[in-house]
PDB file of N, CA and C in Angstrom:
ATOM      1  N   UNK A   1     143.043 117.372 112.122  1.00  0.00           N
ATOM      2  CA  UNK A   1     144.530 118.226 112.850  1.00  0.00           C
ATOM      3  C   UNK A   1     144.617 119.048 111.603  1.00  0.00           C
ATOM      4  N   UNK A   2     144.856 120.307 111.938  1.00  0.00           N
ATOM      5  CA  UNK A   2     145.549 121.578 110.968  1.00  0.00           C
ATOM      6  C   UNK A   2     146.501 121.597 110.544  1.00  0.00           C
ATOM      7  N   UNK A   3     146.320 121.747 109.100  1.00  0.00           N
ATOM      8  CA  UNK A   3     147.562 121.568 108.353  1.00  0.00           C
ATOM      9  C   UNK A   3     148.224 122.525 108.089  1.00  0.00           C
ATOM     10  N   UNK A   4     149.645 123.357 108.322  1.00  0.00           N
ATOM     11  CA  UNK A   4     150.038 125.153 107.799  1.00  0.00           C
ATOM     12  C   UNK A   4     150.414 125.431 106.281  1.00  0.00           C
ATOM     13  N   UNK A   5     150.303 124.069 105.868  1.00  0.00           N
ATOM     14  CA  UNK A   5     150.752 124.387 104.598  1.00  0.00           C
ATOM     15  C   UNK A   5     149.754 123.168 103.221  1.00  0.00           C
ATOM     16  N   UNK A   6     149.486 124.296 102.423  1.00  0.00           N
ATOM     17  CA  UNK A   6     148.469 123.885 101.473  1.00  0.00           C
ATOM     18  C   UNK A   6     148.486 122.586 100.405  1.00  0.00           C
ATOM     19  N   UNK A   7     150.086 121.958 100.290  1.00  0.00           N
ATOM     20  CA  UNK A   7     150.525 120.637  99.670  1.00  0.00           C
ATOM     21  C   UNK A   7     149.846 120.022 100.721  1.00  0.00           C
ATOM     22  N   UNK A   8     150.208 119.823 102.397  1.00  0.00           N
ATOM     23  CA  UNK A   8     149.994 119.096 103.159  1.00  0.00           C
ATOM     24  C   UNK A   8     148.158 118.761 102.581  1.00  0.00           C
ATOM     25  N   UNK A   9     147.608 119.695 103.277  1.00  0.00           N
ATOM     26  CA  UNK A   9     146.767 119.345 103.198  1.00  0.00           C
ATOM     27  C   UNK A   9     146.225 118.805 101.736  1.00  0.00           C
ATOM     28  N   UNK A  10     146.846 119.000 100.195  1.00  0.00           N
ATOM     29  CA  UNK A  10     146.279 118.363  99.150  1.00  0.00           C
ATOM     30  C   UNK A  10     146.383 116.510  99.315  1.00  0.00           C
ATOM     31  N   UNK A  11     147.155 116.806 100.222  1.00  0.00           N
ATOM     32  CA  UNK A  11     148.136 115.210 100.430  1.00  0.00           C
ATOM     33  C   UNK A  11     146.790 114.346 101.204  1.00  0.00           C
ATOM     34  N   UNK A  12     146.387 114.941 102.930  1.00  0.00           N
ATOM     35  CA  UNK A  12     145.500 114.606 103.183  1.00  0.00           C
ATOM     36  C   UNK A  12     143.988 114.256 102.921  1.00  0.00           C
ATOM     37  N   UNK A  13     144.120 115.102 101.375  1.00  0.00           N
ATOM     38  CA  UNK A  13     142.578 115.093 100.563  1.00  0.00           C
ATOM     39  C   UNK A  13     142.903 113.826  99.938  1.00  0.00           C
ATOM     40  N   UNK A  14     143.895 113.553  98.923  1.00  0.00           N
ATOM     41  CA  UNK A  14     143.976 112.595  98.298  1.00  0.00           C
ATOM     42  C   UNK A  14     144.148 111.119  98.561  1.00  0.00           C
ATOM     43  N   UNK A  15     144.986 111.435 100.128  1.00  0.00           N
ATOM     44  CA  UNK A  15     144.686 109.776 100.444  1.00  0.00           C
ATOM     45  C   UNK A  15     143.827 109.853 101.086  1.00  0.00           C
ATOM     46  N   UNK A  16     142.471 110.430 101.710  1.00  0.00           N
ATOM     47  CA  UNK A  16     141.475 110.503 101.668  1.00  0.00           C
ATOM     48  C   UNK A  16     139.911 109.543 100.502  1.00  0.00           C
ATOM     49  N   UNK A  17     140.533 110.186  99.768  1.00  0.00           N
ATOM     50  CA  UNK A  17     139.874 109.898  98.761  1.00  0.00           C
ATOM     51  C   UNK A  17     140.842 108.341  97.923  1.00  0.00           C
ATOM     52  N   UNK A  18     141.597 107.702  98.442  1.00  0.00           N
ATOM     53  CA  UNK A  18     142.239 106.854  97.845  1.00  0.00           C
ATOM     54  C   UNK A  18     142.926 107.028  96.694  1.00  0.00           C
ATOM     55  N   UNK A  19     143.697 108.125  96.379  1.00  0.00           N
ATOM     56  CA  UNK A  19     144.004 108.922  95.048  1.00  0.00           C
ATOM     57  C   UNK A  19     145.813 108.699  94.860  1.00  0.00           C
ATOM     58  N   UNK A  20     146.046 107.389  94.686  1.00  0.00           N
ATOM     59  CA  UNK A  20     147.867 106.999  95.069  1.00  0.00           C
ATOM     60  C   UNK A  20     148.241 107.864  94.250  1.00  0.00           C
ATOM     61  N   UNK A  21     147.868 108.003  93.370  1.00  0.00           N
ATOM     62  CA  UNK A  21     148.528 108.906  92.398  1.00  0.00           C
ATOM     63  C   UNK A  21     148.666 110.245  92.364  1.00  0.00           C
ATOM     64  N   UNK A  22     147.669 110.953  93.098  1.00  0.00           N
ATOM     65  CA  UNK A  22     147.547 112.586  93.290  1.00  0.00           C
ATOM     66  C   UNK A  22     148.724 112.361  94.821  1.00  0.00           C
ATOM     67  N   UNK A  23     148.102 111.630  95.303  1.00  0.00           N
ATOM     68  CA  UNK A  23     149.635 112.302  96.396  1.00  0.00           C
ATOM     69  C   UNK A  23     151.062 111.771  96.702  1.00  0.00           C
ATOM     70  N   UNK A  24     151.332 110.677  95.559  1.00  0.00           N
ATOM     71  CA  UNK A  24     152.789 110.364  95.144  1.00  0.00           C
ATOM     72  C   UNK A  24     153.070 111.867  94.089  1.00  0.00           C
ATOM     73  N   UNK A  25     152.549 112.544  93.615  1.00  0.00           N
ATOM     74  CA  UNK A  25     152.519 113.788  93.130  1.00  0.00           C
ATOM     75  C   UNK A  25     153.029 114.514  93.539  1.00  0.00           C
ATOM     76  N   UNK A  26     152.351 114.797  94.533  1.00  0.00           N
ATOM     77  CA  UNK A  26     152.011 115.624  95.997  1.00  0.00           C
ATOM     78  C   UNK A  26     153.759 115.887  96.408  1.00  0.00           C
ATOM     79  N   UNK A  27     153.643 114.290  96.916  1.00  0.00           N
ATOM     80  CA  UNK A  27     154.895 113.755  97.435  1.00  0.00           C
ATOM     81  C   UNK A  27     156.571 114.234  96.363  1.00  0.00           C
ATOM     82  N   UNK A  28     156.375 113.749  95.361  1.00  0.00           N
ATOM     83  CA  UNK A  28     157.562 114.176  94.418  1.00  0.00           C
ATOM     84  C   UNK A  28     157.504 115.752  94.025  1.00  0.00           C
ATOM     85  N   UNK A  29     156.120 116.362  93.830  1.00  0.00           N
ATOM     86  CA  UNK A  29     156.715 117.464  93.802  1.00  0.00           C
ATOM     87  C   UNK A  29     156.994 118.669  94.962  1.00  0.00           C
ATOM     88  N   UNK A  30     156.636 118.054  96.095  1.00  0.00           N
ATOM     89  CA  UNK A  30     157.481 119.214  97.419  1.00  0.00           C
ATOM     90  C   UNK A  30     159.352 118.574  97.740  1.00  0.00           C
ATOM     91  N   UNK A  31     159.060 117.267  97.263  1.00  0.00           N
ATOM     92  CA  UNK A  31     160.531 116.973  97.337  1.00  0.00           C
ATOM     93  C   UNK A  31     161.138 117.671  96.503  1.00  0.00           C
ATOM     94  N   UNK A  32     160.955 118.049  95.592  1.00  0.00           N
ATOM     95  CA  UNK A  32     161.929 118.370  94.038  1.00  0.00           C
ATOM     96  C   UNK A  32     161.974 120.370  94.688  1.00  0.00           C
ATOM     97  N   UNK A  33     160.801 120.654  95.263  1.00  0.00           N
ATOM     98  CA  UNK A  33     160.655 122.028  95.264  1.00  0.00           C
ATOM     99  C   UNK A  33     162.177 122.217  96.467  1.00  0.00           C
ATOM    100  N   UNK A  34     161.896 121.266  97.391  1.00  0.00           N
ATOM    101  CA  UNK A  34     162.732 121.208  98.981  1.00  0.00           C
ATOM    102  C   UNK A  34     164.479 121.322  97.760  1.00  0.00           C
ATOM    103  N   UNK A  35     164.246 120.310  97.065  1.00  0.00           N
ATOM    104  CA  UNK A  35     165.629 120.123  96.959  1.00  0.00           C
ATOM    105  C   UNK A  35     166.764 121.390  96.289  1.00  0.00           C
ATOM    106  N   UNK A  36     165.665 122.168  95.516  1.00  0.00           N
ATOM    107  CA  UNK A  36     166.165 123.457  95.100  1.00  0.00           C
ATOM    108  C   UNK A  36     166.262 124.686  95.853  1.00  0.00           C
ATOM    109  N   UNK A  37     165.369 124.232  97.180  1.00  0.00           N
ATOM    110  CA  UNK A  37     165.038 125.431  98.066  1.00  0.00           C
ATOM    111  C   UNK A  37     164.166 126.353  98.416  1.00  0.00           C
ATOM    112  N   UNK A  38     163.083 125.618  97.439  1.00  0.00           N
ATOM    113  CA  UNK A  38     161.771 126.656  96.882  1.00  0.00           C
ATOM    114  C   UNK A  38     160.815 125.861  98.271  1.00  0.00           C
ATOM    115  N   UNK A  39     161.013 125.124  99.067  1.00  0.00           N
ATOM    116  CA  UNK A  39     159.895 124.278 100.080  1.00  0.00           C
ATOM    117  C   UNK A  39     160.660 124.611 101.214  1.00  0.00           C
ATOM    118  N   UNK A  40     160.242 124.587 102.761  1.00  0.00           N
ATOM    119  CA  UNK A  40     160.736 125.068 103.987  1.00  0.00           C
ATOM    120  C   UNK A  40     160.732 123.823 104.557  1.00  0.00           C
ATOM    121  N   UNK A  41     162.109 123.488 105.616  1.00  0.00           N
ATOM    122  CA  UNK A  41     161.803 122.440 106.348  1.00  0.00           C
ATOM    123  C   UNK A  41     160.867 121.731 106.901  1.00  0.00           C
ATOM    124  N   UNK A  42     160.061 122.811 107.069  1.00  0.00           N
ATOM    125  CA  UNK A  42     159.120 122.910 107.988  1.00  0.00           C
ATOM    126  C   UNK A  42     158.057 122.056 107.179  1.00  0.00           C
ATOM    127  N   UNK A  43     157.791 122.552 105.870  1.00  0.00           N
ATOM    128  CA  UNK A  43     156.923 122.022 104.841  1.00  0.00           C
ATOM    129  C   UNK A  43     156.823 120.365 104.597  1.00  0.00           C
ATOM    130  N   UNK A  44     158.760 120.184 104.240  1.00  0.00           N
ATOM    131  CA  UNK A  44     158.554 118.994 104.254  1.00  0.00           C
ATOM    132  C   UNK A  44     158.765 118.202 105.617  1.00  0.00           C
ATOM    133  N   UNK A  45     158.910 118.329 107.033  1.00  0.00           N
ATOM    134  CA  UNK A  45     158.364 117.852 107.894  1.00  0.00           C
ATOM    135  C   UNK A  45     156.918 117.553 108.225  1.00  0.00           C
ATOM    136  N   UNK A  46     155.976 118.950 108.401  1.00  0.00           N
ATOM    137  CA  UNK A  46     154.871 118.205 108.213  1.00  0.00           C
ATOM    138  C   UNK A  46     154.353 117.398 107.019  1.00  0.00           C
ATOM    139  N   UNK A  47     154.520 117.145 105.824  1.00  0.00           N
ATOM    140  CA  UNK A  47     154.418 116.305 104.961  1.00  0.00           C
ATOM    141  C   UNK A  47     154.602 114.679 105.553  1.00  0.00           C
ATOM    142  N   UNK A  48     155.541 114.548 105.805  1.00  0.00           N
ATOM    143  CA  UNK A  48     156.035 113.549 106.553  1.00  0.00           C
ATOM    144  C   UNK A  48     155.310 112.872 107.844  1.00  0.00           C
ATOM    145  N   UNK A  49     154.753 114.534 107.839  1.00  0.00           N
ATOM    146  CA  UNK A  49     154.057 113.690 109.410  1.00  0.00           C
ATOM    147  C   UNK A  49     152.466 113.273 108.894  1.00  0.00           C
ATOM    148  N   UNK A  50     152.157 114.174 108.394  1.00  0.00           N
ATOM    149  CA  UNK A  50     150.539 113.966 107.377  1.00  0.00           C
ATOM    150  C   UNK A  50     150.716 112.905 107.308  1.00  0.00           C
ATOM    151  N   UNK A  51     151.819 112.402 106.487  1.00  0.00           N
ATOM    152  CA  UNK A  51     151.725 110.924 105.334  1.00  0.00           C
ATOM    153  C   UNK A  51     151.452 110.137 106.226  1.00  0.00           C
ATOM    154  N   UNK A  52     152.426 109.527 107.385  1.00  0.00           N
ATOM    155  CA  UNK A  52     152.638 108.391 108.589  1.00  0.00           C
ATOM    156  C   UNK A  52     151.469 108.393 109.024  1.00  0.00           C
ATOM    157  N   UNK A  53     150.131 109.792 109.252  1.00  0.00           N
ATOM    158  CA  UNK A  53     149.368 109.752 110.522  1.00  0.00           C
ATOM    159  C   UNK A  53     147.843 109.577 109.628  1.00  0.00           C
ATOM    160  N   UNK A  54     147.927 109.997 108.475  1.00  0.00           N
ATOM    161  CA  UNK A  54     146.844 109.643 107.715  1.00  0.00           C
ATOM    162  C   UNK A  54     146.970 107.795 106.311  1.00  0.00           C
ATOM    163  N   UNK A  55     145.880 107.900 107.164  1.00  0.00           N
ATOM    164  CA  UNK A  55     145.838 105.746 106.308  1.00  0.00           C
ATOM    165  C   UNK A  55     145.152 106.262 105.120  1.00  0.00           C
ATOM    166  N   UNK A  56     145.365 105.843 103.680  1.00  0.00           N
ATOM    167  CA  UNK A  56     144.785 105.683 102.635  1.00  0.00           C
ATOM    168  C   UNK A  56     143.272 105.397 102.815  1.00  0.00           C
ATOM    169  N   UNK A  57     142.343 105.632 102.248  1.00  0.00           N
ATOM    170  CA  UNK A  57     141.297 105.069 102.251  1.00  0.00           C
ATOM    171  C   UNK A  57     140.570 104.337 101.172  1.00  0.00           C
ATOM    172  N   UNK A  58     139.869 103.512 101.392  1.00  0.00           N
ATOM    173  CA  UNK A  58     139.260 102.923 100.359  1.00  0.00           C
ATOM    174  C   UNK A  58     139.592 103.881  99.108  1.00  0.00           C
ATOM    175  N   UNK A  59     139.726 103.353  97.369  1.00  0.00           N
ATOM    176  CA  UNK A  59     139.540 103.902  96.429  1.00  0.00           C
ATOM    177  C   UNK A  59     140.715 103.539  95.100  1.00  0.00           C
ATOM    178  N   UNK A  60     140.498 104.173  94.537  1.00  0.00           N
ATOM    179  CA  UNK A  60     141.563 104.230  93.667  1.00  0.00           C
ATOM    180  C   UNK A  60     140.154 102.784  92.106  1.00  0.00           C
TER     181      UNK A  60
END
């Protein structure tokens, strides 16, 4: 699937590497940016959808 936002592409890459810490950092960062009006609702929705759709691979 093609994702519009770089943060979402970064989250997907982190999950595919099994990097839970990086995935958590990305999710927290986007949420904080949304809370202060620097991220759009579209980005939050896309991030949530990718988080649900993409499983963590073996890693860590």
